[in-house]
Amino acid sequence: MSRRLALLVNPASAGGRALGLLPKIEAELKRLGAEYRVVRSDSGDHAKQLANAMAETGEVAVAVGGDGLVGTLAGALDQQRGALAIIPSGRGNDFARVLGIPSDPAEAARLAAEGSERLFDVGRVDGKTFVGIASFGFDSECNRVANETKLIRGNLVYAYSALRVLASWKPARFKLTIDGEERSYSGYSAAVANSKAFGGGMYLVPHAELDDGMLDVVMIADQSKWRYLRGLPKVFKGTHLDDPAVTVARGQVIEIDADRQFTVYADGDPLAELPARVTVERQTLRVIVP
């Protein structure tokens, strides 16, 4: 039986980029003779409702958007309720990048129609699902600035936001409990990773695996702003882990807190306020991959 696709598009995603790619996507699906329909969504809750309905009728929910839409749909489709395909058209597209999903919309559409299904883990912050990396501290401020910035397009927005935040940054005190073991330090940020990358190609945890039932925790301790700035480009290659200010641990249940209020962001969206609890669900999300 051929796969039935439901293309879920947020018209406002990445300044309308997702909507602009639809003609190329539809042309390829028509060429393949694929059965599909296009559904527009204007909010996360609406997208979840639509994805739930798609799962019930056996349609594949196709996220035509970025990591935020992917994370939202994962929350509706995990527990193997339905399959997810991705046509990356957001700003970061990190989950698609890690999975090797093509950035070309026609190639990604063909993959959605003809690719293979695999099971992957998801993370949860206070019960809210994410697929990539949940982080807070310096990263919280960067995400907030990036989401508020409209004039800068693409991955440059993440570099811009880091420079903006660094100018006024003051170290925070972080407290994490990883599978019962307490860790505390003063510094920049803490991140709990299901996947390898975030922030438009930053390989924060290059060794993370999406199907191992574990979360990788990255803790970045205090250092001079100049040294932190010099180390930022290393994150795109994953070589920042050699820095003595960076500590990595692994676990399945991570309690997170800090000495001042931060919003926990994951997949580019705000998910929770501190204190929070991060957990992992093993191989619960069906995704169509190369």
Protein backbone atom coordinates (compact mmCIF):
# COMPACT_ATOMS: atom_id res chain seq x y z
CA MET A 1 0.00 0.00 0.00
CA SER A 2 1.38 3.41 -0.90
CA ARG A 3 2.05 5.96 1.83
CA ARG A 4 -0.55 8.72 2.30
CA LEU A 5 1.01 12.06 3.17
CA ALA A 6 -0.51 15.06 4.93
CA LEU A 7 1.73 18.12 4.52
CA LEU A 8 1.42 20.28 7.60
CA VAL A 9 2.49 23.89 6.93
CA ASN A 10 2.66 26.93 9.17
CA PRO A 11 2.29 29.90 6.77
CA ALA A 12 4.31 32.12 9.14
CA SER A 13 7.22 29.68 9.57
CA ALA A 14 10.64 31.22 8.80
CA GLY A 15 9.02 34.36 7.43
CA GLY A 16 6.80 32.43 5.01
CA ARG A 17 9.60 30.25 3.61
CA ALA A 18 7.66 27.02 4.19
CA LEU A 19 4.72 28.32 2.21
CA GLY A 20 7.04 29.42 -0.61
CA LEU A 21 8.46 25.90 -0.98
CA LEU A 22 5.08 24.23 -1.49
CA PRO A 23 5.07 24.47 -5.32
CA LYS A 24 8.38 22.55 -5.57
CA ILE A 25 7.20 20.00 -3.01
CA GLU A 26 3.86 19.43 -4.70
CA ALA A 27 5.44 19.20 -8.15
CA GLU A 28 7.71 16.37 -6.97
CA LEU A 29 4.90 14.50 -5.21
CA LYS A 30 2.72 14.75 -8.33
CA ARG A 31 5.61 13.46 -10.44
CA LEU A 32 5.90 10.46 -8.12
CA GLY A 33 2.15 9.86 -8.18
CA ALA A 34 2.08 10.15 -4.38
CA GLU A 35 -1.20 10.54 -2.51
CA TYR A 36 -1.06 13.75 -0.46
CA ARG A 37 -2.94 16.74 0.86
CA VAL A 38 -1.87 20.12 2.29
CA VAL A 39 -3.05 21.32 5.69
CA ARG A 40 -2.28 24.74 7.14
CA SER A 41 -1.78 25.26 10.86
CA ASP A 42 -1.50 28.54 12.72
CA SER A 43 -0.51 27.34 16.20
CA GLY A 44 1.21 24.52 18.05
CA ASP A 45 -2.03 23.27 19.62
CA HIS A 46 -3.74 23.27 16.23
CA ALA A 47 -0.83 21.37 14.68
CA LYS A 48 -1.04 18.73 17.44
CA GLN A 49 -4.78 18.28 16.89
CA LEU A 50 -4.22 17.86 13.16
CA ALA A 51 -1.37 15.36 13.70
CA ASN A 52 -3.50 13.30 16.08
CA ALA A 53 -6.23 13.09 13.44
CA MET A 54 -3.66 12.13 10.78
CA ALA A 55 -2.32 9.31 12.97
CA GLU A 56 -5.83 7.95 13.51
CA THR A 57 -6.46 7.71 9.75
CA GLY A 58 -3.03 6.23 8.97
CA GLU A 59 -1.65 9.31 7.21
CA VAL A 60 2.01 10.31 7.60
CA ALA A 61 2.27 13.79 9.15
CA VAL A 62 4.82 15.73 7.11
CA ALA A 63 6.35 18.69 8.96
CA VAL A 64 6.98 21.40 6.36
CA GLY A 65 8.84 23.69 8.74
CA GLY A 66 11.64 23.84 11.27
CA ASP A 67 12.56 22.18 14.55
CA GLY A 68 9.71 23.86 16.43
CA LEU A 69 7.09 22.19 14.23
CA VAL A 70 8.96 18.87 14.35
CA GLY A 71 9.05 18.97 18.17
CA THR A 72 5.37 19.88 18.33
CA LEU A 73 4.34 17.01 16.04
CA ALA A 74 6.58 14.60 17.94
CA GLY A 75 4.50 15.37 21.02
CA ALA A 76 1.38 14.22 19.16
CA LEU A 77 2.88 11.23 17.35
CA ASP A 78 5.19 9.55 19.86
CA GLN A 79 4.27 6.29 21.61
CA GLN A 80 4.30 5.09 17.96
CA ARG A 81 0.87 6.64 17.36
CA GLY A 82 1.80 7.83 13.87
CA ALA A 83 4.72 8.36 11.51
CA LEU A 84 6.52 11.68 10.99
CA ALA A 85 8.28 12.91 7.85
CA ILE A 86 10.21 16.17 7.58
CA ILE A 87 10.67 18.67 4.77
CA PRO A 88 13.08 21.13 6.43
CA SER A 89 12.11 24.75 5.88
CA GLY A 90 12.76 26.52 9.19
CA ARG A 91 15.74 28.51 10.40
CA GLY A 92 17.70 25.79 12.19
CA ASN A 93 16.51 22.43 10.80
CA ASP A 94 18.86 20.63 13.17
CA PHE A 95 16.86 17.44 13.66
CA ALA A 96 16.63 16.96 9.89
CA ARG A 97 20.35 17.72 9.55
CA VAL A 98 21.28 15.06 12.10
CA LEU A 99 19.05 12.48 10.37
CA GLY A 100 20.55 13.24 6.94
CA ILE A 101 17.25 14.48 5.49
CA PRO A 102 17.99 16.54 2.33
CA SER A 103 17.69 20.33 2.52
CA ASP A 104 16.37 20.44 -1.06
CA PRO A 105 12.54 20.47 -0.81
CA ALA A 106 11.96 18.18 -3.80
CA GLU A 107 14.48 15.60 -2.51
CA ALA A 108 12.96 15.77 0.99
CA ALA A 109 9.48 15.30 -0.50
CA ARG A 110 10.68 12.22 -2.37
CA LEU A 111 12.15 10.87 0.87
CA ALA A 112 8.83 11.44 2.66
CA ALA A 113 7.13 9.31 0.00
CA GLU A 114 9.76 6.60 -0.38
CA GLY A 115 12.02 6.59 2.72
CA SER A 116 12.29 4.03 5.51
CA GLU A 117 10.81 4.24 9.00
CA ARG A 118 13.04 4.18 12.08
CA LEU A 119 12.28 4.50 15.77
CA PHE A 120 13.92 7.28 17.79
CA ASP A 121 13.91 8.53 21.37
CA VAL A 122 12.23 11.71 22.52
CA GLY A 123 12.98 13.86 25.53
CA ARG A 124 10.44 15.44 27.85
CA VAL A 125 10.69 18.60 29.94
CA ASP A 126 7.97 18.47 32.62
CA GLY A 127 6.07 16.17 30.26
CA LYS A 128 6.44 18.37 27.13
CA THR A 129 8.11 16.56 24.24
CA PHE A 130 11.28 17.64 22.43
CA VAL A 131 13.49 15.90 19.88
CA GLY A 132 16.70 17.94 20.00
CA ILE A 133 18.40 19.68 22.92
CA ALA A 134 16.79 21.30 25.97
CA SER A 135 18.98 24.07 27.34
CA PHE A 136 18.88 26.98 29.76
CA GLY A 137 21.07 29.78 31.08
CA PHE A 138 22.99 31.71 28.42
CA ASP A 139 21.16 29.63 25.81
CA SER A 140 17.76 30.76 27.16
CA GLU A 141 18.63 34.38 26.47
CA CYS A 142 20.02 33.53 23.03
CA ASN A 143 16.83 31.71 22.07
CA ARG A 144 14.69 34.59 23.28
CA VAL A 145 16.68 37.15 21.27
CA ALA A 146 16.71 34.90 18.17
CA ASN A 147 12.93 34.46 18.33
CA GLU A 148 12.42 38.23 18.67
CA THR A 149 14.75 39.05 15.76
CA LYS A 150 12.92 39.43 12.46
CA LEU A 151 15.42 41.26 10.23
CA ILE A 152 18.17 38.61 10.24
CA ARG A 153 17.36 35.42 8.33
CA GLY A 154 18.78 31.91 8.48
CA ASN A 155 21.50 30.64 10.78
CA LEU A 156 23.11 34.08 11.22
CA VAL A 157 20.42 34.94 13.73
CA TYR A 158 22.00 32.54 16.25
CA ALA A 159 25.45 34.17 15.99
CA TYR A 160 23.85 37.61 16.28
CA SER A 161 21.89 36.61 19.40
CA ALA A 162 24.99 35.14 21.10
CA LEU A 163 26.91 38.38 20.63
CA ARG A 164 23.96 40.43 21.91
CA VAL A 165 23.55 38.30 25.05
CA LEU A 166 27.27 38.03 25.81
CA ALA A 167 27.61 41.80 26.18
CA SER A 168 25.51 41.89 29.36
CA TRP A 169 25.87 38.28 30.60
CA LYS A 170 26.51 37.59 34.30
CA PRO A 171 27.39 34.03 35.43
CA ALA A 172 24.61 31.93 36.98
CA ARG A 173 24.76 29.14 39.54
CA PHE A 174 23.42 25.87 38.11
CA LYS A 175 22.23 22.82 40.03
CA LEU A 176 21.56 19.52 38.27
CA THR A 177 20.74 16.10 39.64
CA ILE A 178 21.61 13.40 37.09
CA ASP A 179 20.10 10.00 37.98
CA GLY A 180 20.35 10.96 41.65
CA GLU A 181 23.86 12.45 41.55
CA GLU A 182 24.04 16.18 42.29
CA ARG A 183 26.21 18.57 40.24
CA SER A 184 26.52 22.31 40.82
CA TYR A 185 28.71 24.95 39.21
CA SER A 186 28.84 28.61 38.26
CA GLY A 187 28.90 29.42 34.56
CA TYR A 188 27.09 29.93 31.29
CA SER A 189 24.63 27.15 30.60
CA ALA A 190 23.39 23.61 30.95
CA ALA A 191 21.94 21.49 28.16
CA VAL A 192 20.20 18.12 28.13
CA ALA A 193 20.54 16.51 24.72
CA ASN A 194 18.55 13.85 22.94
CA SER A 195 20.19 14.78 19.61
CA LYS A 196 23.59 16.04 18.51
CA ALA A 197 22.89 19.56 17.23
CA PHE A 198 20.95 22.77 17.82
CA GLY A 199 21.16 26.47 16.95
CA GLY A 200 21.50 26.00 13.20
CA GLY A 201 24.34 23.47 12.99
CA MET A 202 26.00 23.72 16.41
CA TYR A 203 27.11 20.17 17.27
CA LEU A 204 26.89 20.61 21.02
CA VAL A 205 26.94 16.84 21.64
CA PRO A 206 28.51 15.20 18.59
CA HIS A 207 28.48 11.75 20.23
CA ALA A 208 24.76 11.79 21.15
CA GLU A 209 22.63 9.01 19.68
CA LEU A 210 18.90 9.31 18.99
CA ASP A 211 18.03 5.73 19.87
CA ASP A 212 20.15 4.80 22.91
CA GLY A 213 17.62 5.61 25.65
CA MET A 214 20.01 8.11 27.25
CA LEU A 215 20.28 11.88 27.58
CA ASP A 216 23.65 13.65 27.33
CA VAL A 217 24.18 16.58 29.69
CA VAL A 218 26.60 19.39 28.78
CA MET A 219 27.65 21.84 31.50
CA ILE A 220 29.59 24.97 30.57
CA ALA A 221 31.37 26.53 33.57
CA ASP A 222 32.53 30.09 34.07
CA GLN A 223 35.32 31.56 31.95
CA SER A 224 36.16 34.96 30.52
CA LYS A 225 33.80 36.34 27.90
CA TRP A 226 36.66 36.58 25.43
CA ARG A 227 37.53 32.90 25.90
CA TYR A 228 33.88 31.89 25.62
CA LEU A 229 33.54 33.91 22.41
CA ARG A 230 36.68 32.34 20.93
CA GLY A 231 35.30 28.89 21.71
CA LEU A 232 31.91 29.41 20.08
CA PRO A 233 33.02 28.56 16.49
CA LYS A 234 34.33 25.21 17.78
CA VAL A 235 30.75 24.13 18.53
CA PHE A 236 30.03 23.88 14.79
CA LYS A 237 32.68 21.15 14.55
CA GLY A 238 32.06 19.62 17.97
CA THR A 239 35.64 20.28 19.11
CA HIS A 240 34.55 22.47 22.07
CA LEU A 241 34.32 19.38 24.30
CA ASP A 242 38.11 19.50 24.72
CA ASP A 243 37.75 22.72 26.74
CA PRO A 244 38.28 22.18 30.51
CA ALA A 245 35.28 24.46 31.20
CA VAL A 246 32.99 21.94 29.47
CA THR A 247 31.79 18.85 31.36
CA VAL A 248 29.66 16.05 29.91
CA ALA A 249 27.56 13.47 31.77
CA ARG A 250 24.79 11.01 30.84
CA GLY A 251 21.54 9.97 32.45
CA GLN A 252 17.85 9.25 32.06
CA VAL A 253 16.30 11.54 34.67
CA ILE A 254 17.75 15.03 35.09
CA GLU A 255 16.44 17.56 37.60
CA ILE A 256 17.50 21.08 36.60
CA ASP A 257 17.57 24.40 38.48
CA ALA A 258 19.54 27.66 38.79
CA ASP A 259 19.96 30.58 41.17
CA ARG A 260 17.86 32.83 38.94
CA GLN A 261 14.89 32.30 36.69
CA PHE A 262 15.49 30.88 33.21
CA THR A 263 13.14 29.52 30.58
CA VAL A 264 14.05 26.07 29.28
CA TYR A 265 14.09 26.08 25.47
CA ALA A 266 14.11 23.06 23.18
CA ASP A 267 13.69 22.83 19.40
CA GLY A 268 13.74 26.64 19.37
CA ASP A 269 10.62 26.99 21.55
CA PRO A 270 10.08 27.78 25.26
CA LEU A 271 8.97 24.60 27.06
CA ALA A 272 9.17 25.19 30.82
CA GLU A 273 10.40 27.39 33.66
CA LEU A 274 12.92 26.28 36.28
CA PRO A 275 12.98 24.11 38.30
CA ALA A 276 12.14 21.35 35.82
CA ARG A 277 12.53 17.63 35.23
CA VAL A 278 13.90 16.17 31.99
CA THR A 279 13.35 12.52 31.05
CA VAL A 280 13.76 10.31 28.00
CA GLU A 281 11.35 7.91 26.25
CA ARG A 282 13.17 5.20 24.33
CA GLN A 283 12.43 4.50 20.64
CA THR A 284 8.93 5.88 20.74
CA LEU A 285 8.85 8.14 17.65
CA ARG A 286 8.55 6.78 14.09
CA VAL A 287 10.40 8.99 11.60
CA ILE A 288 10.91 8.53 7.86
CA VAL A 289 14.62 8.73 7.08
CA PRO A 290 17.03 7.93 4.19
